[in-house]
Amino acid sequence: MPERRECTFCGEPIEPGTGKQHIKNTGKVFHFCSNKCRKNLLNLNRTARETKWTKRYAQDKAIETYRKKGAEQEEEQEEKGNKKRIKRKKD
């Protein structure tokens, strides 16, 4: 059974028998789903985290928004805890 690989740049799955492989002199192996990914990584030296159409960009944004929401919720809880509540007695 052929092994499914993931694109080194964008993170998309690569169908067996498709894509390109690049091996550097150091022995590092890169698998690319398209020529677009190969050019962005090797020729243009772009990082996947900063390229909006990649899965890695979407994952980082999701993590970032999750952290922001968590920090906002903590701040709200702290503000609620700091407020003094005055209860009035009914006559």
C-alpha atoms as a PDB file:
ATOM      1  CA  MET A   1       0.000   0.000   0.000  1.00  0.00           C
ATOM      2  CA  PRO A   2       1.534   3.358  -1.026  1.00  0.00           C
ATOM      3  CA  GLU A   3       2.156   5.814   1.743  1.00  0.00           C
ATOM      4  CA  ARG A   4       0.182   9.073   1.852  1.00  0.00           C
ATOM      5  CA  ARG A   5       2.370  12.094   2.363  1.00  0.00           C
ATOM      6  CA  GLU A   6       1.742  15.664   3.416  1.00  0.00           C
ATOM      7  CA  CYS A   7       3.017  18.685   1.516  1.00  0.00           C
ATOM      8  CA  THR A   8       5.987  20.195   3.333  1.00  0.00           C
ATOM      9  CA  PHE A   9       4.823  23.733   2.576  1.00  0.00           C
ATOM     10  CA  CYS A  10       1.023  23.917   2.699  1.00  0.00           C
ATOM     11  CA  GLY A  11       0.137  20.786   4.700  1.00  0.00           C
ATOM     12  CA  GLU A  12      -2.287  19.316   2.138  1.00  0.00           C
ATOM     13  CA  PRO A  13      -2.310  15.534   1.703  1.00  0.00           C
ATOM     14  CA  ILE A  14      -0.582  14.258  -1.452  1.00  0.00           C
ATOM     15  CA  GLU A  15      -2.165  11.424  -3.407  1.00  0.00           C
ATOM     16  CA  PRO A  16       0.191   8.478  -4.048  1.00  0.00           C
ATOM     17  CA  GLY A  17       1.892   8.812  -7.428  1.00  0.00           C
ATOM     18  CA  THR A  18       1.513  12.598  -7.586  1.00  0.00           C
ATOM     19  CA  GLY A  19       3.521  15.583  -6.390  1.00  0.00           C
ATOM     20  CA  LYS A  20       7.227  16.328  -6.434  1.00  0.00           C
ATOM     21  CA  GLN A  21      10.069  15.448  -4.127  1.00  0.00           C
ATOM     22  CA  HIS A  22      13.151  17.576  -3.469  1.00  0.00           C
ATOM     23  CA  ILE A  23      16.194  16.347  -1.544  1.00  0.00           C
ATOM     24  CA  LYS A  24      18.805  18.821  -0.303  1.00  0.00           C
ATOM     25  CA  ASN A  25      22.517  18.017   0.019  1.00  0.00           C
ATOM     26  CA  THR A  26      22.041  17.700   3.772  1.00  0.00           C
ATOM     27  CA  GLY A  27      19.610  14.812   3.256  1.00  0.00           C
ATOM     28  CA  LYS A  28      16.492  16.800   4.135  1.00  0.00           C
ATOM     29  CA  VAL A  29      13.529  15.565   2.044  1.00  0.00           C
ATOM     30  CA  PHE A  30      10.721  17.894   0.940  1.00  0.00           C
ATOM     31  CA  HIS A  31       7.427  16.677  -0.538  1.00  0.00           C
ATOM     32  CA  PHE A  32       5.353  19.134  -2.583  1.00  0.00           C
ATOM     33  CA  CYS A  33       1.776  18.806  -3.818  1.00  0.00           C
ATOM     34  CA  SER A  34       2.230  21.410  -6.558  1.00  0.00           C
ATOM     35  CA  ASN A  35       4.775  23.541  -8.348  1.00  0.00           C
ATOM     36  CA  LYS A  36       3.295  26.554  -6.543  1.00  0.00           C
ATOM     37  CA  CYS A  37       4.352  25.132  -3.154  1.00  0.00           C
ATOM     38  CA  ARG A  38       7.822  24.202  -4.425  1.00  0.00           C
ATOM     39  CA  LYS A  39       8.469  27.700  -5.782  1.00  0.00           C
ATOM     40  CA  ASN A  40       7.203  29.409  -2.623  1.00  0.00           C
ATOM     41  CA  LEU A  41       9.492  27.394  -0.364  1.00  0.00           C
ATOM     42  CA  LEU A  42      12.643  26.910  -2.432  1.00  0.00           C
ATOM     43  CA  ASN A  43      12.806  29.913  -4.766  1.00  0.00           C
ATOM     44  CA  LEU A  44      10.964  32.628  -2.858  1.00  0.00           C
ATOM     45  CA  ASN A  45      11.935  31.466   0.676  1.00  0.00           C
ATOM     46  CA  ARG A  46       8.457  32.080   2.061  1.00  0.00           C
ATOM     47  CA  THR A  47       7.211  30.551   5.286  1.00  0.00           C
ATOM     48  CA  ALA A  48       3.913  28.680   5.302  1.00  0.00           C
ATOM     49  CA  ARG A  49       2.769  30.439   8.485  1.00  0.00           C
ATOM     50  CA  GLU A  50       2.795  33.801   6.716  1.00  0.00           C
ATOM     51  CA  THR A  51       1.185  32.623   3.448  1.00  0.00           C
ATOM     52  CA  LYS A  52      -2.590  33.004   3.750  1.00  0.00           C
ATOM     53  CA  TRP A  53      -3.703  30.121   1.499  1.00  0.00           C
ATOM     54  CA  THR A  54      -1.903  27.374   3.463  1.00  0.00           C
ATOM     55  CA  LYS A  55      -3.327  25.112   6.161  1.00  0.00           C
ATOM     56  CA  ARG A  56      -0.492  26.060   8.476  1.00  0.00           C
ATOM     57  CA  TYR A  57      -1.546  29.729   8.313  1.00  0.00           C
ATOM     58  CA  ALA A  58      -5.127  28.778   9.197  1.00  0.00           C
ATOM     59  CA  GLN A  59      -3.949  26.610  12.101  1.00  0.00           C
ATOM     60  CA  ASP A  60      -1.815  29.399  13.535  1.00  0.00           C
ATOM     61  CA  LYS A  61      -4.680  31.896  13.212  1.00  0.00           C
ATOM     62  CA  ALA A  62      -7.053  29.495  14.960  1.00  0.00           C
ATOM     63  CA  ILE A  63      -4.601  29.006  17.829  1.00  0.00           C
ATOM     64  CA  GLU A  64      -4.033  32.766  18.054  1.00  0.00           C
ATOM     65  CA  THR A  65      -7.762  33.567  18.235  1.00  0.00           C
ATOM     66  CA  TYR A  66      -8.300  30.796  20.791  1.00  0.00           C
ATOM     67  CA  ARG A  67      -5.600  32.294  23.010  1.00  0.00           C
ATOM     68  CA  LYS A  68      -7.058  35.795  22.632  1.00  0.00           C
ATOM     69  CA  LYS A  69     -10.547  34.593  23.573  1.00  0.00           C
ATOM     70  CA  GLY A  70      -9.165  32.780  26.609  1.00  0.00           C
ATOM     71  CA  ALA A  71      -7.293  35.899  27.744  1.00  0.00           C
ATOM     72  CA  GLU A  72     -10.403  38.064  27.245  1.00  0.00           C
ATOM     73  CA  GLN A  73     -12.554  35.656  29.269  1.00  0.00           C
ATOM     74  CA  GLU A  74     -10.003  35.662  32.094  1.00  0.00           C
ATOM     75  CA  GLU A  75     -10.005  39.471  32.136  1.00  0.00           C
ATOM     76  CA  GLU A  76     -13.806  39.534  32.277  1.00  0.00           C
ATOM     77  CA  GLN A  77     -13.831  37.101  35.177  1.00  0.00           C
ATOM     78  CA  GLU A  78     -11.278  39.203  37.044  1.00  0.00           C
ATOM     79  CA  GLU A  79     -13.346  42.346  36.484  1.00  0.00           C
ATOM     80  CA  LYS A  80     -16.483  40.629  37.747  1.00  0.00           C
ATOM     81  CA  GLY A  81     -14.637  39.410  40.832  1.00  0.00           C
ATOM     82  CA  ASN A  82     -13.288  42.872  41.653  1.00  0.00           C
ATOM     83  CA  LYS A  83     -16.679  44.585  41.626  1.00  0.00           C
ATOM     84  CA  LYS A  84     -18.266  45.007  45.011  1.00  0.00           C
ATOM     85  CA  ARG A  85     -21.860  44.006  45.211  1.00  0.00           C
ATOM     86  CA  ILE A  86     -24.032  45.811  47.679  1.00  0.00           C
ATOM     87  CA  LYS A  87     -27.102  44.009  48.904  1.00  0.00           C
ATOM     88  CA  ARG A  88     -29.886  46.048  50.362  1.00  0.00           C
ATOM     89  CA  LYS A  89     -32.028  44.751  53.099  1.00  0.00           C
ATOM     90  CA  LYS A  90     -35.738  44.870  52.551  1.00  0.00           C
ATOM     91  CA  ASP A  91     -37.799  46.413  55.356  1.00  0.00           C
END
